[in-house]
Amino acid sequence: MPLFSIVVPAYNSADYLEKTILSLINQNYENYEVIIVDDGSTDTTKEIAEKYKSRLTFIRQSNQGPASARNLGVKIAKGRYIVSFDSDDILFPDALRIYEKTIDYFKEPPFVFSKMIYFTGNDDILPQRDQFNKIECLKHLNFFKKRNTIGISNSNMIIKRDNLIRAGGYESGSFNFDDRCLAFRLGTESPMIQIISPPTVGHRVYSKSISKNRNMLTNAAFNIIKNERNNSYPGGELYRFDRRGLIGTNLLFLFRDYFGIQNTFKILRVAGRARIMLIQGLVRKFKSRSYKVDFHTINFSG
């Protein structure tokens, strides 16, 4: 049984998929599998993936959205941990070794966030293997009680498969907030580990990315607000303030980095439904400074 299953949903991903696949199959590690799930692509995604069929598992489905594709990949995965990687990101060569060391050190935690660095468009990003000899981590009680800011992407979430399935997997209709919605579904899993050094993922940012589609972002924001009001996330009353505060800070991030002043109407629509959560988000940023977090260093030999 592999330790890791890397699940990659792909929809019309021909522009960057090959670079992503190469970064996944050229890890300095062996105990893992790669699963590509083609979500009904109409470009050359299938042909690109099949070039590497000896190194990965390739399956197709009709176009049902990334959450469905991720869940299908998780269903057939054999690994104890799932890395649901985006089809345009890059996994650095020592990433899986770093994850294994971290998982062993913390005795198989349910939920790990790794460190990302961001790059744009067609830029090449080549991490240096000799830049580190230790792994630095923060141990939080759980996601809802995290103290530090965490860059969130599917690509930097390492989740124990049993916990992921028990949480219900990826939520249909979560749009491009599927990573955050999953983090909320796993919000009380303890402990949650945050790798703060070294980076393991190159997260590609470009103007045509689906993650920047403002209509989808608006729908995603409405969805996460609705879920909280319907008590869909764990933790009950005990974690209500932190859940709503985290939603508020996520919305503030959304307004700042994706909408801008030219999208005032969309901002007002979302803010109108979540004005109390926005206030709670600001309050939580100050209150969370008192939350417990432990710093750990793990020796790493490259």
C-alpha atoms as a PDB file:
ATOM      1  CA  MET A   1       0.000   0.000   0.000  1.00  0.00           C
ATOM      2  CA  PRO A   2       1.483   3.391  -0.974  1.00  0.00           C
ATOM      3  CA  LEU A   3       1.763   6.097   1.658  1.00  0.00           C
ATOM      4  CA  PHE A   4       0.556   8.819  -0.731  1.00  0.00           C
ATOM      5  CA  SER A   5      -1.981   9.005  -3.537  1.00  0.00           C
ATOM      6  CA  ILE A   6      -1.653  12.166  -5.620  1.00  0.00           C
ATOM      7  CA  VAL A   7      -5.028  12.833  -7.274  1.00  0.00           C
ATOM      8  CA  VAL A   8      -5.079  15.344 -10.148  1.00  0.00           C
ATOM      9  CA  PRO A   9      -8.408  16.485 -11.641  1.00  0.00           C
ATOM     10  CA  ALA A  10      -7.846  17.800 -15.147  1.00  0.00           C
ATOM     11  CA  TYR A  11     -10.218  19.713 -17.399  1.00  0.00           C
ATOM     12  CA  ASN A  12      -8.800  21.191 -20.616  1.00  0.00           C
ATOM     13  CA  SER A  13      -5.432  21.346 -18.862  1.00  0.00           C
ATOM     14  CA  ALA A  14      -3.170  20.861 -21.879  1.00  0.00           C
ATOM     15  CA  ASP A  15      -1.240  24.116 -21.391  1.00  0.00           C
ATOM     16  CA  TYR A  16       0.426  23.106 -18.128  1.00  0.00           C
ATOM     17  CA  LEU A  17      -0.455  19.477 -17.408  1.00  0.00           C
ATOM     18  CA  GLU A  18       2.776  17.951 -18.725  1.00  0.00           C
ATOM     19  CA  LYS A  19       4.937  20.120 -16.464  1.00  0.00           C
ATOM     20  CA  THR A  20       2.740  19.159 -13.533  1.00  0.00           C
ATOM     21  CA  ILE A  21       2.950  15.447 -14.336  1.00  0.00           C
ATOM     22  CA  LEU A  22       6.739  15.589 -14.674  1.00  0.00           C
ATOM     23  CA  SER A  23       7.021  17.222 -11.254  1.00  0.00           C
ATOM     24  CA  LEU A  24       4.856  14.460  -9.766  1.00  0.00           C
ATOM     25  CA  ILE A  25       6.539  11.429 -11.312  1.00  0.00           C
ATOM     26  CA  ASN A  26      10.088  12.716 -10.685  1.00  0.00           C
ATOM     27  CA  GLN A  27       9.912  12.784  -6.906  1.00  0.00           C
ATOM     28  CA  ASN A  28      12.912  11.710  -4.822  1.00  0.00           C
ATOM     29  CA  TYR A  29      10.632   9.140  -3.262  1.00  0.00           C
ATOM     30  CA  GLU A  30       9.012   5.872  -4.312  1.00  0.00           C
ATOM     31  CA  ASN A  31       6.082   4.903  -2.089  1.00  0.00           C
ATOM     32  CA  TYR A  32       3.291   6.751  -3.882  1.00  0.00           C
ATOM     33  CA  GLU A  33       0.902   6.683  -6.831  1.00  0.00           C
ATOM     34  CA  VAL A  34      -0.379   9.347  -9.222  1.00  0.00           C
ATOM     35  CA  ILE A  35      -3.987   9.349 -10.448  1.00  0.00           C
ATOM     36  CA  ILE A  36      -5.122  11.698 -13.230  1.00  0.00           C
ATOM     37  CA  VAL A  37      -8.897  12.150 -13.546  1.00  0.00           C
ATOM     38  CA  ASP A  38      -9.907  13.734 -16.864  1.00  0.00           C
ATOM     39  CA  ASP A  39     -13.165  15.582 -16.250  1.00  0.00           C
ATOM     40  CA  GLY A  40     -14.473  15.435 -19.818  1.00  0.00           C
ATOM     41  CA  SER A  41     -11.745  17.514 -21.484  1.00  0.00           C
ATOM     42  CA  THR A  42     -12.119  18.532 -25.121  1.00  0.00           C
ATOM     43  CA  ASP A  43      -8.454  19.462 -25.709  1.00  0.00           C
ATOM     44  CA  THR A  44      -5.368  17.210 -25.683  1.00  0.00           C
ATOM     45  CA  THR A  45      -5.415  16.529 -21.937  1.00  0.00           C
ATOM     46  CA  LYS A  46      -6.050  12.817 -22.556  1.00  0.00           C
ATOM     47  CA  GLU A  47      -3.167  12.458 -25.006  1.00  0.00           C
ATOM     48  CA  ILE A  48      -0.734  14.226 -22.658  1.00  0.00           C
ATOM     49  CA  ALA A  49      -1.683  12.068 -19.675  1.00  0.00           C
ATOM     50  CA  GLU A  50      -1.515   8.840 -21.670  1.00  0.00           C
ATOM     51  CA  LYS A  51       2.107   9.556 -22.655  1.00  0.00           C
ATOM     52  CA  TYR A  52       2.949   8.710 -19.034  1.00  0.00           C
ATOM     53  CA  LYS A  53       0.525   5.829 -18.502  1.00  0.00           C
ATOM     54  CA  SER A  54       3.325   3.542 -17.309  1.00  0.00           C
ATOM     55  CA  ARG A  55       3.922   5.927 -14.383  1.00  0.00           C
ATOM     56  CA  LEU A  56       0.383   6.816 -13.420  1.00  0.00           C
ATOM     57  CA  THR A  57      -3.278   5.792 -13.443  1.00  0.00           C
ATOM     58  CA  PHE A  58      -5.479   7.638 -15.934  1.00  0.00           C
ATOM     59  CA  ILE A  59      -9.287   7.619 -15.816  1.00  0.00           C
ATOM     60  CA  ARG A  60     -11.982   9.688 -17.507  1.00  0.00           C
ATOM     61  CA  GLN A  61     -15.469  10.839 -16.631  1.00  0.00           C
ATOM     62  CA  SER A  62     -18.035  13.105 -18.253  1.00  0.00           C
ATOM     63  CA  ASN A  63     -17.705  16.736 -17.250  1.00  0.00           C
ATOM     64  CA  GLN A  64     -19.045  16.936 -13.684  1.00  0.00           C
ATOM     65  CA  GLY A  65     -16.733  19.496 -12.109  1.00  0.00           C
ATOM     66  CA  PRO A  66     -13.508  19.306 -10.102  1.00  0.00           C
ATOM     67  CA  ALA A  67     -15.116  18.181  -6.826  1.00  0.00           C
ATOM     68  CA  SER A  68     -16.567  15.112  -8.541  1.00  0.00           C
ATOM     69  CA  ALA A  69     -13.244  14.372 -10.247  1.00  0.00           C
ATOM     70  CA  ARG A  70     -11.352  14.661  -6.965  1.00  0.00           C
ATOM     71  CA  ASN A  71     -13.812  12.371  -5.208  1.00  0.00           C
ATOM     72  CA  LEU A  72     -13.530   9.773  -7.965  1.00  0.00           C
ATOM     73  CA  GLY A  73      -9.758   9.818  -7.627  1.00  0.00           C
ATOM     74  CA  VAL A  74      -9.985   9.478  -3.844  1.00  0.00           C
ATOM     75  CA  LYS A  75     -12.378   6.549  -4.254  1.00  0.00           C
ATOM     76  CA  ILE A  76      -9.881   4.470  -6.218  1.00  0.00           C
ATOM     77  CA  ALA A  77      -6.791   5.705  -4.343  1.00  0.00           C
ATOM     78  CA  LYS A  78      -4.770   3.169  -2.380  1.00  0.00           C
ATOM     79  CA  GLY A  79      -2.635   5.561  -0.333  1.00  0.00           C
ATOM     80  CA  ARG A  80      -3.077   6.327   3.373  1.00  0.00           C
ATOM     81  CA  TYR A  81      -2.750  10.045   2.598  1.00  0.00           C
ATOM     82  CA  ILE A  82      -4.311  12.027  -0.236  1.00  0.00           C
ATOM     83  CA  VAL A  83      -2.678  14.961  -2.004  1.00  0.00           C
ATOM     84  CA  SER A  84      -5.352  16.366  -4.325  1.00  0.00           C
ATOM     85  CA  PHE A  85      -3.076  18.307  -6.638  1.00  0.00           C
ATOM     86  CA  ASP A  86      -4.120  21.011  -9.119  1.00  0.00           C
ATOM     87  CA  SER A  87      -3.267  20.345 -12.758  1.00  0.00           C
ATOM     88  CA  ASP A  88      -1.199  23.511 -13.230  1.00  0.00           C
ATOM     89  CA  ASP A  89       0.921  23.465 -10.056  1.00  0.00           C
ATOM     90  CA  ILE A  90       4.409  22.065  -9.448  1.00  0.00           C
ATOM     91  CA  LEU A  91       5.446  19.630  -6.694  1.00  0.00           C
ATOM     92  CA  PHE A  92       9.059  20.125  -5.686  1.00  0.00           C
ATOM     93  CA  PRO A  93      11.369  17.080  -5.871  1.00  0.00           C
ATOM     94  CA  ASP A  94      11.696  16.462  -2.120  1.00  0.00           C
ATOM     95  CA  ALA A  95       8.071  17.207  -1.235  1.00  0.00           C
ATOM     96  CA  LEU A  96       6.929  13.645  -0.524  1.00  0.00           C
ATOM     97  CA  ARG A  97      10.034  12.917   1.543  1.00  0.00           C
ATOM     98  CA  ILE A  98       9.269  16.033   3.584  1.00  0.00           C
ATOM     99  CA  TYR A  99       5.671  14.917   4.041  1.00  0.00           C
ATOM    100  CA  GLU A 100       6.747  11.433   5.132  1.00  0.00           C
ATOM    101  CA  LYS A 101       9.198  12.849   7.697  1.00  0.00           C
ATOM    102  CA  THR A 102       6.507  15.185   9.036  1.00  0.00           C
ATOM    103  CA  ILE A 103       3.870  12.459   9.224  1.00  0.00           C
ATOM    104  CA  ASP A 104       6.243  10.126  11.068  1.00  0.00           C
ATOM    105  CA  TYR A 105       7.344  12.832  13.488  1.00  0.00           C
ATOM    106  CA  PHE A 106       3.767  13.764  14.435  1.00  0.00           C
ATOM    107  CA  LYS A 107       2.584  10.115  14.481  1.00  0.00           C
ATOM    108  CA  GLU A 108       0.239  10.253  11.492  1.00  0.00           C
ATOM    109  CA  PRO A 109      -1.732  13.485  11.991  1.00  0.00           C
ATOM    110  CA  PRO A 110      -5.023  13.709  10.073  1.00  0.00           C
ATOM    111  CA  PHE A 111      -4.289  16.988   8.333  1.00  0.00           C
ATOM    112  CA  VAL A 112      -1.124  18.755   7.121  1.00  0.00           C
ATOM    113  CA  PHE A 113      -0.707  22.031   5.234  1.00  0.00           C
ATOM    114  CA  SER A 114       2.562  22.498   3.350  1.00  0.00           C
ATOM    115  CA  LYS A 115       4.305  25.697   2.328  1.00  0.00           C
ATOM    116  CA  MET A 116       3.604  27.155  -1.128  1.00  0.00           C
ATOM    117  CA  ILE A 117       5.425  29.711  -3.187  1.00  0.00           C
ATOM    118  CA  TYR A 118       3.674  31.530  -6.013  1.00  0.00           C
ATOM    119  CA  PHE A 119       4.759  31.993  -9.596  1.00  0.00           C
ATOM    120  CA  THR A 120       3.068  33.374 -12.689  1.00  0.00           C
ATOM    121  CA  GLY A 121       2.175  32.160 -16.140  1.00  0.00           C
ATOM    122  CA  ASN A 122       4.840  30.203 -17.972  1.00  0.00           C
ATOM    123  CA  ASP A 123       7.642  31.065 -15.557  1.00  0.00           C
ATOM    124  CA  ASP A 124       9.814  28.100 -14.682  1.00  0.00           C
ATOM    125  CA  ILE A 125      10.386  27.482 -11.014  1.00  0.00           C
ATOM    126  CA  LEU A 126      13.310  25.318  -9.969  1.00  0.00           C
ATOM    127  CA  PRO A 127      13.723  24.775  -6.224  1.00  0.00           C
ATOM    128  CA  GLN A 128      17.232  24.144  -4.897  1.00  0.00           C
ATOM    129  CA  ARG A 129      17.623  20.886  -3.005  1.00  0.00           C
ATOM    130  CA  ASP A 130      20.594  22.121  -0.984  1.00  0.00           C
ATOM    131  CA  GLN A 131      18.865  25.082   0.634  1.00  0.00           C
ATOM    132  CA  PHE A 132      17.591  23.275   3.726  1.00  0.00           C
ATOM    133  CA  ASN A 133      18.536  20.594   6.236  1.00  0.00           C
ATOM    134  CA  LYS A 134      15.521  20.845   8.514  1.00  0.00           C
ATOM    135  CA  ILE A 135      11.756  21.007   8.359  1.00  0.00           C
ATOM    136  CA  GLU A 136      10.031  23.676  10.434  1.00  0.00           C
ATOM    137  CA  CYS A 137       6.434  23.079  11.494  1.00  0.00           C
ATOM    138  CA  LEU A 138       3.679  24.550  13.608  1.00  0.00           C
ATOM    139  CA  LYS A 139       1.317  22.298  15.508  1.00  0.00           C
ATOM    140  CA  HIS A 140      -2.196  23.741  15.893  1.00  0.00           C
ATOM    141  CA  LEU A 141      -5.059  22.192  17.841  1.00  0.00           C
ATOM    142  CA  ASN A 142      -7.080  22.143  14.600  1.00  0.00           C
ATOM    143  CA  PHE A 143      -7.952  24.278  11.588  1.00  0.00           C
ATOM    144  CA  PHE A 144     -10.612  26.286  13.416  1.00  0.00           C
ATOM    145  CA  LYS A 145      -8.151  27.152  16.198  1.00  0.00           C
ATOM    146  CA  LYS A 146      -5.197  27.962  13.954  1.00  0.00           C
ATOM    147  CA  ARG A 147      -3.271  31.056  14.903  1.00  0.00           C
ATOM    148  CA  ASN A 148      -1.172  31.666  11.802  1.00  0.00           C
ATOM    149  CA  THR A 149      -2.225  32.635   8.314  1.00  0.00           C
ATOM    150  CA  ILE A 150      -2.084  29.696   5.902  1.00  0.00           C
ATOM    151  CA  GLY A 151      -2.045  29.859   2.125  1.00  0.00           C
ATOM    152  CA  ILE A 152      -4.761  27.378   1.131  1.00  0.00           C
ATOM    153  CA  SER A 153      -4.807  25.327  -2.044  1.00  0.00           C
ATOM    154  CA  ASN A 154      -5.731  21.746  -2.799  1.00  0.00           C
ATOM    155  CA  SER A 155      -2.110  21.242  -3.817  1.00  0.00           C
ATOM    156  CA  ASN A 156      -0.716  21.941  -0.344  1.00  0.00           C
ATOM    157  CA  MET A 157      -3.211  19.875   1.667  1.00  0.00           C
ATOM    158  CA  ILE A 158      -2.085  16.421   2.782  1.00  0.00           C
ATOM    159  CA  ILE A 159      -5.025  14.569   4.321  1.00  0.00           C
ATOM    160  CA  LYS A 160      -5.387  11.125   5.801  1.00  0.00           C
ATOM    161  CA  ARG A 161      -7.695   9.263   3.431  1.00  0.00           C
ATOM    162  CA  ASP A 162      -9.912   7.822   6.184  1.00  0.00           C
ATOM    163  CA  ASN A 163     -10.509  11.297   7.614  1.00  0.00           C
ATOM    164  CA  LEU A 164     -11.211  12.750   4.182  1.00  0.00           C
ATOM    165  CA  ILE A 165     -13.815  10.098   3.434  1.00  0.00           C
ATOM    166  CA  ARG A 166     -15.380  10.416   6.891  1.00  0.00           C
ATOM    167  CA  ALA A 167     -15.736  14.176   6.311  1.00  0.00           C
ATOM    168  CA  GLY A 168     -17.705  13.502   3.131  1.00  0.00           C
ATOM    169  CA  GLY A 169     -14.962  14.269   0.614  1.00  0.00           C
ATOM    170  CA  TYR A 170     -15.122  17.293  -1.643  1.00  0.00           C
ATOM    171  CA  GLU A 171     -18.408  19.138  -1.715  1.00  0.00           C
ATOM    172  CA  SER A 172     -20.348  19.390  -4.950  1.00  0.00           C
ATOM    173  CA  GLY A 173     -21.165  23.039  -5.625  1.00  0.00           C
ATOM    174  CA  SER A 174     -18.161  24.387  -3.710  1.00  0.00           C
ATOM    175  CA  PHE A 175     -16.837  25.841  -6.993  1.00  0.00           C
ATOM    176  CA  ASN A 176     -13.362  27.347  -6.628  1.00  0.00           C
ATOM    177  CA  PHE A 177     -13.665  27.369  -2.826  1.00  0.00           C
ATOM    178  CA  ASP A 178     -13.467  23.556  -2.780  1.00  0.00           C
ATOM    179  CA  ASP A 179     -10.162  23.684  -0.879  1.00  0.00           C
ATOM    180  CA  ARG A 180     -11.533  26.002   1.818  1.00  0.00           C
ATOM    181  CA  CYS A 181     -14.812  24.108   2.069  1.00  0.00           C
ATOM    182  CA  LEU A 182     -12.861  20.896   2.632  1.00  0.00           C
ATOM    183  CA  ALA A 183     -10.698  22.566   5.275  1.00  0.00           C
ATOM    184  CA  PHE A 184     -13.919  23.562   7.076  1.00  0.00           C
ATOM    185  CA  ARG A 185     -15.249  19.998   6.821  1.00  0.00           C
ATOM    186  CA  LEU A 186     -12.028  18.880   8.508  1.00  0.00           C
ATOM    187  CA  GLY A 187     -12.022  21.817  10.890  1.00  0.00           C
ATOM    188  CA  THR A 188     -11.977  19.900  14.194  1.00  0.00           C
ATOM    189  CA  GLU A 189      -9.524  17.162  13.157  1.00  0.00           C
ATOM    190  CA  SER A 190      -6.610  17.294  15.606  1.00  0.00           C
ATOM    191  CA  PRO A 191      -3.797  18.059  15.451  1.00  0.00           C
ATOM    192  CA  MET A 192      -3.389  20.152  12.318  1.00  0.00           C
ATOM    193  CA  ILE A 193       0.213  20.544  11.209  1.00  0.00           C
ATOM    194  CA  GLN A 194       1.501  23.500   9.186  1.00  0.00           C
ATOM    195  CA  ILE A 195       4.843  23.170   7.414  1.00  0.00           C
ATOM    196  CA  ILE A 196       6.365  26.652   7.312  1.00  0.00           C
ATOM    197  CA  SER A 197       9.732  25.697   5.780  1.00  0.00           C
ATOM    198  CA  PRO A 198      10.840  24.580   3.263  1.00  0.00           C
ATOM    199  CA  PRO A 199       8.295  25.194   0.489  1.00  0.00           C
ATOM    200  CA  THR A 200       7.080  22.078  -1.295  1.00  0.00           C
ATOM    201  CA  VAL A 201       4.590  23.439  -3.859  1.00  0.00           C
ATOM    202  CA  GLY A 202       4.828  25.968  -6.655  1.00  0.00           C
ATOM    203  CA  HIS A 203       1.345  27.450  -7.043  1.00  0.00           C
ATOM    204  CA  ARG A 204       0.773  28.897 -10.507  1.00  0.00           C
ATOM    205  CA  VAL A 205      -1.121  32.179 -10.730  1.00  0.00           C
ATOM    206  CA  TYR A 206      -2.331  33.528 -14.052  1.00  0.00           C
ATOM    207  CA  SER A 207      -5.061  35.847 -15.278  1.00  0.00           C
ATOM    208  CA  LYS A 208      -7.220  33.173 -16.976  1.00  0.00           C
ATOM    209  CA  SER A 209      -7.212  30.788 -14.035  1.00  0.00           C
ATOM    210  CA  ILE A 210     -10.676  29.511 -13.144  1.00  0.00           C
ATOM    211  CA  SER A 211      -9.900  30.450  -9.547  1.00  0.00           C
ATOM    212  CA  LYS A 212     -10.185  34.106 -10.583  1.00  0.00           C
ATOM    213  CA  ASN A 213     -13.613  33.816 -12.200  1.00  0.00           C
ATOM    214  CA  ARG A 214     -15.537  36.398 -10.177  1.00  0.00           C
ATOM    215  CA  ASN A 215     -18.983  34.928 -10.803  1.00  0.00           C
ATOM    216  CA  MET A 216     -17.793  31.556  -9.574  1.00  0.00           C
ATOM    217  CA  LEU A 217     -16.075  33.202  -6.607  1.00  0.00           C
ATOM    218  CA  THR A 218     -19.321  34.957  -5.705  1.00  0.00           C
ATOM    219  CA  ASN A 219     -21.264  31.682  -5.869  1.00  0.00           C
ATOM    220  CA  ALA A 220     -18.556  29.964  -3.828  1.00  0.00           C
ATOM    221  CA  ALA A 221     -18.786  32.662  -1.163  1.00  0.00           C
ATOM    222  CA  PHE A 222     -22.561  32.294  -0.981  1.00  0.00           C
ATOM    223  CA  ASN A 223     -22.156  28.525  -0.681  1.00  0.00           C
ATOM    224  CA  ILE A 224     -19.776  28.621   2.290  1.00  0.00           C
ATOM    225  CA  ILE A 225     -21.996  31.193   4.054  1.00  0.00           C
ATOM    226  CA  LYS A 226     -25.039  28.990   3.463  1.00  0.00           C
ATOM    227  CA  ASN A 227     -23.233  25.916   4.790  1.00  0.00           C
ATOM    228  CA  GLU A 228     -22.314  27.670   8.008  1.00  0.00           C
ATOM    229  CA  ARG A 229     -25.848  28.897   8.568  1.00  0.00           C
ATOM    230  CA  ASN A 230     -27.159  25.379   7.913  1.00  0.00           C
ATOM    231  CA  ASN A 231     -24.760  23.955  10.528  1.00  0.00           C
ATOM    232  CA  SER A 232     -23.012  21.860   7.892  1.00  0.00           C
ATOM    233  CA  TYR A 233     -19.557  22.193   9.447  1.00  0.00           C
ATOM    234  CA  PRO A 234     -18.344  20.382  12.587  1.00  0.00           C
ATOM    235  CA  GLY A 235     -17.709  21.882  16.006  1.00  0.00           C
ATOM    236  CA  GLY A 236     -21.164  23.082  16.969  1.00  0.00           C
ATOM    237  CA  GLU A 237     -21.556  26.094  19.236  1.00  0.00           C
ATOM    238  CA  LEU A 238     -18.046  25.647  20.677  1.00  0.00           C
ATOM    239  CA  TYR A 239     -16.415  26.607  17.383  1.00  0.00           C
ATOM    240  CA  ARG A 240     -19.075  28.909  15.972  1.00  0.00           C
ATOM    241  CA  PHE A 241     -17.109  32.126  16.509  1.00  0.00           C
ATOM    242  CA  ASP A 242     -13.938  30.735  14.926  1.00  0.00           C
ATOM    243  CA  ARG A 243     -15.776  29.234  11.946  1.00  0.00           C
ATOM    244  CA  ARG A 244     -17.598  32.450  11.211  1.00  0.00           C
ATOM    245  CA  GLY A 245     -14.500  34.532  11.840  1.00  0.00           C
ATOM    246  CA  LEU A 246     -12.513  32.432   9.381  1.00  0.00           C
ATOM    247  CA  ILE A 247     -15.264  32.807   6.782  1.00  0.00           C
ATOM    248  CA  GLY A 248     -15.136  36.554   7.364  1.00  0.00           C
ATOM    249  CA  THR A 249     -11.374  36.762   6.870  1.00  0.00           C
ATOM    250  CA  ASN A 250     -11.628  34.604   3.738  1.00  0.00           C
ATOM    251  CA  LEU A 251     -14.213  36.994   2.329  1.00  0.00           C
ATOM    252  CA  LEU A 252     -12.023  40.005   3.126  1.00  0.00           C
ATOM    253  CA  PHE A 253      -9.166  38.292   1.274  1.00  0.00           C
ATOM    254  CA  LEU A 254     -11.535  37.653  -1.634  1.00  0.00           C
ATOM    255  CA  PHE A 255     -12.571  41.301  -1.829  1.00  0.00           C
ATOM    256  CA  ARG A 256      -8.981  42.546  -1.658  1.00  0.00           C
ATOM    257  CA  ASP A 257      -7.244  40.192  -4.069  1.00  0.00           C
ATOM    258  CA  TYR A 258      -9.887  39.157  -6.589  1.00  0.00           C
ATOM    259  CA  PHE A 259     -12.742  41.636  -6.811  1.00  0.00           C
ATOM    260  CA  GLY A 260     -11.349  45.156  -6.597  1.00  0.00           C
ATOM    261  CA  ILE A 261     -13.238  48.432  -6.708  1.00  0.00           C
ATOM    262  CA  GLN A 262     -14.597  47.718 -10.205  1.00  0.00           C
ATOM    263  CA  ASN A 263     -16.652  44.877  -8.708  1.00  0.00           C
ATOM    264  CA  THR A 264     -18.315  46.898  -5.965  1.00  0.00           C
ATOM    265  CA  PHE A 265     -21.733  45.384  -6.704  1.00  0.00           C
ATOM    266  CA  LYS A 266     -20.470  41.822  -6.188  1.00  0.00           C
ATOM    267  CA  ILE A 267     -18.711  42.877  -2.980  1.00  0.00           C
ATOM    268  CA  LEU A 268     -21.900  44.458  -1.653  1.00  0.00           C
ATOM    269  CA  ARG A 269     -23.937  41.345  -2.523  1.00  0.00           C
ATOM    270  CA  VAL A 270     -21.592  39.071  -0.587  1.00  0.00           C
ATOM    271  CA  ALA A 271     -21.062  41.525   2.271  1.00  0.00           C
ATOM    272  CA  GLY A 272     -24.796  41.960   2.653  1.00  0.00           C
ATOM    273  CA  ARG A 273     -25.178  38.270   3.429  1.00  0.00           C
ATOM    274  CA  ALA A 274     -22.182  38.059   5.744  1.00  0.00           C
ATOM    275  CA  ARG A 275     -21.783  41.434   7.449  1.00  0.00           C
ATOM    276  CA  ILE A 276     -21.637  39.900  10.942  1.00  0.00           C
ATOM    277  CA  MET A 277     -19.084  37.311   9.784  1.00  0.00           C
ATOM    278  CA  LEU A 278     -16.916  40.099   8.370  1.00  0.00           C
ATOM    279  CA  ILE A 279     -16.875  41.800  11.772  1.00  0.00           C
ATOM    280  CA  GLN A 280     -16.166  38.484  13.472  1.00  0.00           C
ATOM    281  CA  GLY A 281     -13.277  37.985  11.063  1.00  0.00           C
ATOM    282  CA  LEU A 282     -11.646  41.213  12.185  1.00  0.00           C
ATOM    283  CA  VAL A 283     -12.194  40.371  15.853  1.00  0.00           C
ATOM    284  CA  ARG A 284     -10.820  36.859  15.408  1.00  0.00           C
ATOM    285  CA  LYS A 285      -7.585  38.162  13.894  1.00  0.00           C
ATOM    286  CA  PHE A 286      -6.822  39.796  17.253  1.00  0.00           C
ATOM    287  CA  LYS A 287      -8.247  37.071  19.473  1.00  0.00           C
ATOM    288  CA  SER A 288      -6.340  34.290  17.681  1.00  0.00           C
ATOM    289  CA  ARG A 289      -3.029  35.762  18.845  1.00  0.00           C
ATOM    290  CA  SER A 290      -3.694  34.030  22.147  1.00  0.00           C
ATOM    291  CA  TYR A 291      -4.325  30.595  20.556  1.00  0.00           C
ATOM    292  CA  LYS A 292      -1.811  27.895  21.407  1.00  0.00           C
ATOM    293  CA  VAL A 293       0.657  26.847  18.724  1.00  0.00           C
ATOM    294  CA  ASP A 294       3.827  24.757  19.113  1.00  0.00           C
ATOM    295  CA  PHE A 295       6.958  25.153  17.002  1.00  0.00           C
ATOM    296  CA  HIS A 296       8.827  21.990  15.953  1.00  0.00           C
ATOM    297  CA  THR A 297      12.015  21.349  14.002  1.00  0.00           C
ATOM    298  CA  ILE A 298      12.596  18.041  12.192  1.00  0.00           C
ATOM    299  CA  ASN A 299      16.052  17.111  10.937  1.00  0.00           C
ATOM    300  CA  PHE A 300      16.164  16.423   7.212  1.00  0.00           C
ATOM    301  CA  SER A 301      19.038  15.031   5.174  1.00  0.00           C
ATOM    302  CA  GLY A 302      18.804  15.849   1.481  1.00  0.00           C
END
